[in-house]
Amino acid sequence: MELPRDQEVDALARLEERIAQAAERVSKLRREREAALAERETAVREAAEAKALASRLARELETLRGERGEIRARVEKLIRQMDLLSAS
């Protein structure tokens, strides 16, 4: 059973339209995928930078705490010496 010529043309036109829509969707999805991959790459790089900064700041904090302890000990020693001088 053959379709009339007009129906064949309409069916072919609908098929062409659906193929064009599918091709556009594929293109759009590819662009979105590329954008998502670029965004992910940026996020991974920023996370690595943040981790490195956190590590550096943690080391700096430990250094400063050590220095504070040393300064506290020296100040306490000076106060004791001043107390000894006052008592004399």
PDB file of N, CA and C in Angstrom:
ATOM      1  N   MET A   1       0.849  -1.181   0.000  1.00  0.00           N
ATOM      2  CA  MET A   1       0.000   0.000   0.000  1.00  0.00           C
ATOM      3  C   MET A   1       0.888   1.236   0.000  1.00  0.00           C
ATOM      4  N   GLU A   2       0.723   2.015  -1.019  1.00  0.00           N
ATOM      5  CA  GLU A   2       1.529   3.215  -1.168  1.00  0.00           C
ATOM      6  C   GLU A   2       0.771   4.430  -0.661  1.00  0.00           C
ATOM      7  N   LEU A   3       1.518   5.364  -0.104  1.00  0.00           N
ATOM      8  CA  LEU A   3       0.931   6.614   0.369  1.00  0.00           C
ATOM      9  C   LEU A   3       0.822   7.573  -0.814  1.00  0.00           C
ATOM     10  N   PRO A   4      -0.176   8.414  -0.773  1.00  0.00           N
ATOM     11  CA  PRO A   4      -0.263   9.438  -1.816  1.00  0.00           C
ATOM     12  C   PRO A   4       0.987  10.319  -1.755  1.00  0.00           C
ATOM     13  N   ARG A   5       1.325  10.917  -2.843  1.00  0.00           N
ATOM     14  CA  ARG A   5       2.539  11.725  -2.987  1.00  0.00           C
ATOM     15  C   ARG A   5       2.609  12.826  -1.933  1.00  0.00           C
ATOM     16  N   ASP A   6       1.529  13.521  -1.658  1.00  0.00           N
ATOM     17  CA  ASP A   6       1.518  14.607  -0.666  1.00  0.00           C
ATOM     18  C   ASP A   6       1.849  14.079   0.728  1.00  0.00           C
ATOM     19  N   GLN A   7       1.323  12.928   1.057  1.00  0.00           N
ATOM     20  CA  GLN A   7       1.590  12.363   2.383  1.00  0.00           C
ATOM     21  C   GLN A   7       3.051  11.930   2.498  1.00  0.00           C
ATOM     22  N   GLU A   8       3.623  11.411   1.420  1.00  0.00           N
ATOM     23  CA  GLU A   8       5.033  11.027   1.435  1.00  0.00           C
ATOM     24  C   GLU A   8       5.914  12.252   1.662  1.00  0.00           C
ATOM     25  N   VAL A   9       5.574  13.356   0.988  1.00  0.00           N
ATOM     26  CA  VAL A   9       6.352  14.593   1.135  1.00  0.00           C
ATOM     27  C   VAL A   9       6.217  15.124   2.556  1.00  0.00           C
ATOM     28  N   ASP A  10       4.988  15.083   3.102  1.00  0.00           N
ATOM     29  CA  ASP A  10       4.771  15.543   4.474  1.00  0.00           C
ATOM     30  C   ASP A  10       5.542  14.677   5.466  1.00  0.00           C
ATOM     31  N   ALA A  11       5.508  13.376   5.262  1.00  0.00           N
ATOM     32  CA  ALA A  11       6.224  12.470   6.158  1.00  0.00           C
ATOM     33  C   ALA A  11       7.721  12.733   6.074  1.00  0.00           C
ATOM     34  N   LEU A  12       8.221  12.934   4.888  1.00  0.00           N
ATOM     35  CA  LEU A  12       9.640  13.224   4.709  1.00  0.00           C
ATOM     36  C   LEU A  12      10.005  14.566   5.342  1.00  0.00           C
ATOM     37  N   ALA A  13       9.143  15.560   5.198  1.00  0.00           N
ATOM     38  CA  ALA A  13       9.396  16.876   5.795  1.00  0.00           C
ATOM     39  C   ALA A  13       9.403  16.764   7.317  1.00  0.00           C
ATOM     40  N   ARG A  14       8.472  16.002   7.890  1.00  0.00           N
ATOM     41  CA  ARG A  14       8.439  15.805   9.355  1.00  0.00           C
ATOM     42  C   ARG A  14       9.707  15.086   9.824  1.00  0.00           C
ATOM     43  N   LEU A  15      10.121  14.095   9.040  1.00  0.00           N
ATOM     44  CA  LEU A  15      11.337  13.366   9.388  1.00  0.00           C
ATOM     45  C   LEU A  15      12.560  14.287   9.332  1.00  0.00           C
ATOM     46  N   GLU A  16      12.638  15.108   8.300  1.00  0.00           N
ATOM     47  CA  GLU A  16      13.736  16.071   8.191  1.00  0.00           C
ATOM     48  C   GLU A  16      13.729  17.034   9.369  1.00  0.00           C
ATOM     49  N   GLU A  17      12.541  17.480   9.753  1.00  0.00           N
ATOM     50  CA  GLU A  17      12.417  18.412  10.879  1.00  0.00           C
ATOM     51  C   GLU A  17      12.873  17.740  12.168  1.00  0.00           C
ATOM     52  N   ARG A  18      12.462  16.504  12.382  1.00  0.00           N
ATOM     53  CA  ARG A  18      12.850  15.782  13.599  1.00  0.00           C
ATOM     54  C   ARG A  18      14.364  15.550  13.628  1.00  0.00           C
ATOM     55  N   ILE A  19      14.943  15.239  12.471  1.00  0.00           N
ATOM     56  CA  ILE A  19      16.393  15.038  12.408  1.00  0.00           C
ATOM     57  C   ILE A  19      17.123  16.350  12.701  1.00  0.00           C
ATOM     58  N   ALA A  20      16.618  17.450  12.148  1.00  0.00           N
ATOM     59  CA  ALA A  20      17.229  18.757  12.401  1.00  0.00           C
ATOM     60  C   ALA A  20      17.134  19.110  13.887  1.00  0.00           C
ATOM     61  N   GLN A  21      15.979  18.829  14.509  1.00  0.00           N
ATOM     62  CA  GLN A  21      15.814  19.100  15.938  1.00  0.00           C
ATOM     63  C   GLN A  21      16.768  18.233  16.758  1.00  0.00           C
ATOM     64  N   ALA A  22      16.895  16.966  16.374  1.00  0.00           N
ATOM     65  CA  ALA A  22      17.796  16.070  17.102  1.00  0.00           C
ATOM     66  C   ALA A  22      19.242  16.553  16.970  1.00  0.00           C
ATOM     67  N   ALA A  23      19.621  16.983  15.768  1.00  0.00           N
ATOM     68  CA  ALA A  23      20.983  17.484  15.561  1.00  0.00           C
ATOM     69  C   ALA A  23      21.227  18.730  16.407  1.00  0.00           C
ATOM     70  N   GLU A  24      20.241  19.604  16.495  1.00  0.00           N
ATOM     71  CA  GLU A  24      20.379  20.814  17.309  1.00  0.00           C
ATOM     72  C   GLU A  24      20.499  20.450  18.789  1.00  0.00           C
ATOM     73  N   ARG A  25      19.715  19.475  19.234  1.00  0.00           N
ATOM     74  CA  ARG A  25      19.807  19.035  20.639  1.00  0.00           C
ATOM     75  C   ARG A  25      21.195  18.470  20.929  1.00  0.00           C
ATOM     76  N   VAL A  26      21.712  17.666  20.014  1.00  0.00           N
ATOM     77  CA  VAL A  26      23.042  17.095  20.200  1.00  0.00           C
ATOM     78  C   VAL A  26      24.081  18.208  20.281  1.00  0.00           C
ATOM     79  N   SER A  27      23.984  19.182  19.402  1.00  0.00           N
ATOM     80  CA  SER A  27      24.923  20.316  19.430  1.00  0.00           C
ATOM     81  C   SER A  27      24.824  21.073  20.743  1.00  0.00           C
ATOM     82  N   LYS A  28      23.597  21.315  21.194  1.00  0.00           N
ATOM     83  CA  LYS A  28      23.382  22.034  22.449  1.00  0.00           C
ATOM     84  C   LYS A  28      23.966  21.242  23.620  1.00  0.00           C
ATOM     85  N   LEU A  29      23.714  19.948  23.639  1.00  0.00           N
ATOM     86  CA  LEU A  29      24.236  19.113  24.714  1.00  0.00           C
ATOM     87  C   LEU A  29      25.762  19.080  24.702  1.00  0.00           C
ATOM     88  N   ARG A  30      26.355  19.070  23.534  1.00  0.00           N
ATOM     89  CA  ARG A  30      27.819  19.104  23.448  1.00  0.00           C
ATOM     90  C   ARG A  30      28.365  20.411  23.990  1.00  0.00           C
ATOM     91  N   ARG A  31      27.713  21.522  23.643  1.00  0.00           N
ATOM     92  CA  ARG A  31      28.158  22.826  24.165  1.00  0.00           C
ATOM     93  C   ARG A  31      28.022  22.858  25.688  1.00  0.00           C
ATOM     94  N   GLU A  32      26.892  22.350  26.183  1.00  0.00           N
ATOM     95  CA  GLU A  32      26.683  22.323  27.637  1.00  0.00           C
ATOM     96  C   GLU A  32      27.717  21.435  28.320  1.00  0.00           C
ATOM     97  N   ARG A  33      28.047  20.312  27.693  1.00  0.00           N
ATOM     98  CA  ARG A  33      29.048  19.405  28.253  1.00  0.00           C
ATOM     99  C   ARG A  33      30.403  20.096  28.310  1.00  0.00           C
ATOM    100  N   GLU A  34      30.784  20.769  27.243  1.00  0.00           N
ATOM    101  CA  GLU A  34      32.061  21.478  27.216  1.00  0.00           C
ATOM    102  C   GLU A  34      32.106  22.559  28.295  1.00  0.00           C
ATOM    103  N   ALA A  35      30.999  23.279  28.443  1.00  0.00           N
ATOM    104  CA  ALA A  35      30.938  24.320  29.477  1.00  0.00           C
ATOM    105  C   ALA A  35      31.047  23.696  30.862  1.00  0.00           C
ATOM    106  N   ALA A  36      30.369  22.571  31.074  1.00  0.00           N
ATOM    107  CA  ALA A  36      30.422  21.899  32.370  1.00  0.00           C
ATOM    108  C   ALA A  36      31.830  21.385  32.665  1.00  0.00           C
ATOM    109  N   LEU A  37      32.489  20.843  31.654  1.00  0.00           N
ATOM    110  CA  LEU A  37      33.864  20.361  31.848  1.00  0.00           C
ATOM    111  C   LEU A  37      34.807  21.515  32.179  1.00  0.00           C
ATOM    112  N   ALA A  38      34.628  22.643  31.508  1.00  0.00           N
ATOM    113  CA  ALA A  38      35.466  23.808  31.797  1.00  0.00           C
ATOM    114  C   ALA A  38      35.206  24.315  33.214  1.00  0.00           C
ATOM    115  N   GLU A  39      33.946  24.327  33.601  1.00  0.00           N
ATOM    116  CA  GLU A  39      33.591  24.771  34.951  1.00  0.00           C
ATOM    117  C   GLU A  39      34.175  23.819  35.993  1.00  0.00           C
ATOM    118  N   ARG A  40      34.111  22.524  35.710  1.00  0.00           N
ATOM    119  CA  ARG A  40      34.673  21.527  36.617  1.00  0.00           C
ATOM    120  C   ARG A  40      36.182  21.722  36.737  1.00  0.00           C
ATOM    121  N   GLU A  41      36.849  21.942  35.620  1.00  0.00           N
ATOM    122  CA  GLU A  41      38.298  22.152  35.628  1.00  0.00           C
ATOM    123  C   GLU A  41      38.661  23.367  36.478  1.00  0.00           C
ATOM    124  N   THR A  42      37.892  24.432  36.332  1.00  0.00           N
ATOM    125  CA  THR A  42      38.126  25.636  37.131  1.00  0.00           C
ATOM    126  C   THR A  42      37.921  25.340  38.614  1.00  0.00           C
ATOM    127  N   ALA A  43      36.859  24.608  38.927  1.00  0.00           N
ATOM    128  CA  ALA A  43      36.568  24.289  40.328  1.00  0.00           C
ATOM    129  C   ALA A  43      37.661  23.407  40.928  1.00  0.00           C
ATOM    130  N   VAL A  44      38.143  22.438  40.155  1.00  0.00           N
ATOM    131  CA  VAL A  44      39.212  21.565  40.649  1.00  0.00           C
ATOM    132  C   VAL A  44      40.475  22.376  40.888  1.00  0.00           C
ATOM    133  N   ARG A  45      40.800  23.282  39.966  1.00  0.00           N
ATOM    134  CA  ARG A  45      41.998  24.117  40.122  1.00  0.00           C
ATOM    135  C   ARG A  45      41.856  25.022  41.351  1.00  0.00           C
ATOM    136  N   GLU A  46      40.685  25.630  41.507  1.00  0.00           N
ATOM    137  CA  GLU A  46      40.474  26.515  42.658  1.00  0.00           C
ATOM    138  C   GLU A  46      40.520  25.732  43.965  1.00  0.00           C
ATOM    139  N   ALA A  47      39.988  24.515  43.958  1.00  0.00           N
ATOM    140  CA  ALA A  47      40.031  23.684  45.164  1.00  0.00           C
ATOM    141  C   ALA A  47      41.475  23.335  45.522  1.00  0.00           C
ATOM    142  N   ALA A  48      42.276  23.015  44.527  1.00  0.00           N
ATOM    143  CA  ALA A  48      43.690  22.700  44.773  1.00  0.00           C
ATOM    144  C   ALA A  48      44.411  23.923  45.330  1.00  0.00           C
ATOM    145  N   GLU A  49      44.114  25.090  44.766  1.00  0.00           N
ATOM    146  CA  GLU A  49      44.732  26.324  45.255  1.00  0.00           C
ATOM    147  C   GLU A  49      44.304  26.608  46.694  1.00  0.00           C
ATOM    148  N   ALA A  50      43.028  26.392  46.986  1.00  0.00           N
ATOM    149  CA  ALA A  50      42.518  26.622  48.341  1.00  0.00           C
ATOM    150  C   ALA A  50      43.158  25.649  49.327  1.00  0.00           C
ATOM    151  N   LYS A  51      43.329  24.405  48.898  1.00  0.00           N
ATOM    152  CA  LYS A  51      43.955  23.410  49.770  1.00  0.00           C
ATOM    153  C   LYS A  51      45.399  23.787  50.052  1.00  0.00           C
ATOM    154  N   ALA A  52      46.111  24.234  49.025  1.00  0.00           N
ATOM    155  CA  ALA A  52      47.501  24.654  49.212  1.00  0.00           C
ATOM    156  C   ALA A  52      47.574  25.861  50.150  1.00  0.00           C
ATOM    157  N   LEU A  53      46.662  26.803  49.978  1.00  0.00           N
ATOM    158  CA  LEU A  53      46.640  27.976  50.849  1.00  0.00           C
ATOM    159  C   LEU A  53      46.334  27.576  52.289  1.00  0.00           C
ATOM    160  N   ALA A  54      45.370  26.685  52.478  1.00  0.00           N
ATOM    161  CA  ALA A  54      45.029  26.231  53.827  1.00  0.00           C
ATOM    162  C   ALA A  54      46.218  25.553  54.492  1.00  0.00           C
ATOM    163  N   SER A  55      46.936  24.766  53.719  1.00  0.00           N
ATOM    164  CA  SER A  55      48.117  24.083  54.251  1.00  0.00           C
ATOM    165  C   SER A  55      49.194  25.094  54.651  1.00  0.00           C
ATOM    166  N   ARG A  56      49.418  26.075  53.779  1.00  0.00           N
ATOM    167  CA  ARG A  56      50.412  27.106  54.075  1.00  0.00           C
ATOM    168  C   ARG A  56      50.015  27.906  55.311  1.00  0.00           C
ATOM    169  N   LEU A  57      48.736  28.243  55.404  1.00  0.00           N
ATOM    170  CA  LEU A  57      48.262  29.018  56.559  1.00  0.00           C
ATOM    171  C   LEU A  57      48.347  28.202  57.847  1.00  0.00           C
ATOM    172  N   ALA A  58      48.106  26.898  57.762  1.00  0.00           N
ATOM    173  CA  ALA A  58      48.216  26.044  58.951  1.00  0.00           C
ATOM    174  C   ALA A  58      49.665  26.014  59.446  1.00  0.00           C
ATOM    175  N   ARG A  59      50.611  25.909  58.503  1.00  0.00           N
ATOM    176  CA  ARG A  59      52.034  25.925  58.894  1.00  0.00           C
ATOM    177  C   ARG A  59      52.404  27.274  59.505  1.00  0.00           C
ATOM    178  N   GLU A  60      51.913  28.342  58.899  1.00  0.00           N
ATOM    179  CA  GLU A  60      52.198  29.683  59.425  1.00  0.00           C
ATOM    180  C   GLU A  60      51.610  29.854  60.824  1.00  0.00           C
ATOM    181  N   LEU A  61      50.418  29.331  61.029  1.00  0.00           N
ATOM    182  CA  LEU A  61      49.776  29.411  62.339  1.00  0.00           C
ATOM    183  C   LEU A  61      50.600  28.675  63.389  1.00  0.00           C
ATOM    184  N   GLU A  62      51.089  27.501  63.050  1.00  0.00           N
ATOM    185  CA  GLU A  62      51.918  26.745  63.990  1.00  0.00           C
ATOM    186  C   GLU A  62      53.204  27.510  64.312  1.00  0.00           C
ATOM    187  N   THR A  63      53.789  28.121  63.310  1.00  0.00           N
ATOM    188  CA  THR A  63      54.998  28.920  63.522  1.00  0.00           C
ATOM    189  C   THR A  63      54.709  30.083  64.461  1.00  0.00           C
ATOM    190  N   LEU A  64      53.601  30.774  64.206  1.00  0.00           N
ATOM    191  CA  LEU A  64      53.246  31.921  65.050  1.00  0.00           C
ATOM    192  C   LEU A  64      52.938  31.485  66.478  1.00  0.00           C
ATOM    193  N   ARG A  65      52.290  30.354  66.632  1.00  0.00           N
ATOM    194  CA  ARG A  65      52.013  29.857  67.990  1.00  0.00           C
ATOM    195  C   ARG A  65      53.309  29.531  68.719  1.00  0.00           C
ATOM    196  N   GLY A  66      54.254  28.942  67.999  1.00  0.00           N
ATOM    197  CA  GLY A  66      55.554  28.658  68.611  1.00  0.00           C
ATOM    198  C   GLY A  66      56.258  29.935  69.020  1.00  0.00           C
ATOM    199  N   GLU A  67      56.237  30.930  68.138  1.00  0.00           N
ATOM    200  CA  GLU A  67      56.863  32.217  68.454  1.00  0.00           C
ATOM    201  C   GLU A  67      56.183  32.875  69.638  1.00  0.00           C
ATOM    202  N   ARG A  68      54.860  32.781  69.694  1.00  0.00           N
ATOM    203  CA  ARG A  68      54.124  33.370  70.822  1.00  0.00           C
ATOM    204  C   ARG A  68      54.539  32.712  72.131  1.00  0.00           C
ATOM    205  N   GLY A  69      54.705  31.377  72.090  1.00  0.00           N
ATOM    206  CA  GLY A  69      55.150  30.674  73.300  1.00  0.00           C
ATOM    207  C   GLY A  69      56.535  31.136  73.746  1.00  0.00           C
ATOM    208  N   GLU A  70      57.429  31.302  72.777  1.00  0.00           N
ATOM    209  CA  GLU A  70      58.774  31.777  73.094  1.00  0.00           C
ATOM    210  C   GLU A  70      58.734  33.188  73.679  1.00  0.00           C
ATOM    211  N   ILE A  71      57.961  34.053  73.080  1.00  0.00           N
ATOM    212  CA  ILE A  71      57.854  35.442  73.564  1.00  0.00           C
ATOM    213  C   ILE A  71      57.253  35.467  74.960  1.00  0.00           C
ATOM    214  N   ARG A  72      56.221  34.641  75.180  1.00  0.00           N
ATOM    215  CA  ARG A  72      55.594  34.583  76.507  1.00  0.00           C
ATOM    216  C   ARG A  72      56.630  34.158  77.558  1.00  0.00           C
ATOM    217  N   ALA A  73      57.422  33.160  77.226  1.00  0.00           N
ATOM    218  CA  ALA A  73      58.432  32.678  78.174  1.00  0.00           C
ATOM    219  C   ALA A  73      59.461  33.776  78.465  1.00  0.00           C
ATOM    220  N   ARG A  74      59.864  34.487  77.430  1.00  0.00           N
ATOM    221  CA  ARG A  74      60.851  35.560  77.633  1.00  0.00           C
ATOM    222  C   ARG A  74      60.273  36.692  78.474  1.00  0.00           C
ATOM    223  N   VAL A  75      59.000  37.053  78.211  1.00  0.00           N
ATOM    224  CA  VAL A  75      58.357  38.129  78.987  1.00  0.00           C
ATOM    225  C   VAL A  75      58.207  37.701  80.443  1.00  0.00           C
ATOM    226  N   GLU A  76      57.804  36.456  80.660  1.00  0.00           N
ATOM    227  CA  GLU A  76      57.670  35.978  82.046  1.00  0.00           C
ATOM    228  C   GLU A  76      59.019  35.989  82.762  1.00  0.00           C
ATOM    229  N   LYS A  77      60.073  35.637  82.039  1.00  0.00           N
ATOM    230  CA  LYS A  77      61.412  35.671  82.626  1.00  0.00           C
ATOM    231  C   LYS A  77      61.795  37.102  82.991  1.00  0.00           C
ATOM    232  N   LEU A  78      61.497  38.052  82.074  1.00  0.00           N
ATOM    233  CA  LEU A  78      61.800  39.455  82.370  1.00  0.00           C
ATOM    234  C   LEU A  78      61.000  39.954  83.573  1.00  0.00           C
ATOM    235  N   ILE A  79      59.743  39.555  83.661  1.00  0.00           N
ATOM    236  CA  ILE A  79      58.910  39.978  84.805  1.00  0.00           C
ATOM    237  C   ILE A  79      59.488  39.418  86.095  1.00  0.00           C
ATOM    238  N   ARG A  80      59.908  38.160  86.079  1.00  0.00           N
ATOM    239  CA  ARG A  80      60.515  37.582  87.288  1.00  0.00           C
ATOM    240  C   ARG A  80      61.785  38.334  87.678  1.00  0.00           C
ATOM    241  N   GLN A  81      62.583  38.676  86.676  1.00  0.00           N
ATOM    242  CA  GLN A  81      63.817  39.419  86.969  1.00  0.00           C
ATOM    243  C   GLN A  81      63.483  40.791  87.540  1.00  0.00           C
ATOM    244  N   MET A  82      62.452  41.447  86.992  1.00  0.00           N
ATOM    245  CA  MET A  82      62.046  42.753  87.514  1.00  0.00           C
ATOM    246  C   MET A  82      61.526  42.616  88.939  1.00  0.00           C
ATOM    247  N   ASP A  83      60.774  41.537  89.208  1.00  0.00           N
ATOM    248  CA  ASP A  83      60.286  41.298  90.565  1.00  0.00           C
ATOM    249  C   ASP A  83      61.446  41.106  91.539  1.00  0.00           C
ATOM    250  N   LEU A  84      62.477  40.378  91.081  1.00  0.00           N
ATOM    251  CA  LEU A  84      63.663  40.177  91.944  1.00  0.00           C
ATOM    252  C   LEU A  84      64.352  41.492  92.213  1.00  0.00           C
ATOM    253  N   LEU A  85      64.433  42.357  91.207  1.00  0.00           N
ATOM    254  CA  LEU A  85      65.073  43.654  91.413  1.00  0.00           C
ATOM    255  C   LEU A  85      64.253  44.506  92.352  1.00  0.00           C
ATOM    256  N   SER A  86      62.931  44.436  92.229  1.00  0.00           N
ATOM    257  CA  SER A  86      62.062  45.241  93.103  1.00  0.00           C
ATOM    258  C   SER A  86      62.155  44.758  94.535  1.00  0.00           C
ATOM    259  N   ALA A  87      62.283  43.475  94.702  1.00  0.00           N
ATOM    260  CA  ALA A  87      62.332  42.907  96.046  1.00  0.00           C
ATOM    261  C   ALA A  87      63.659  43.208  96.728  1.00  0.00           C
ATOM    262  N   SER A  88      64.677  43.478  95.968  1.00  0.00           N
ATOM    263  CA  SER A  88      66.007  43.700  96.558  1.00  0.00           C
ATOM    264  C   SER A  88      66.134  45.038  97.207  1.00  0.00           C
TER     265      SER A  88
END
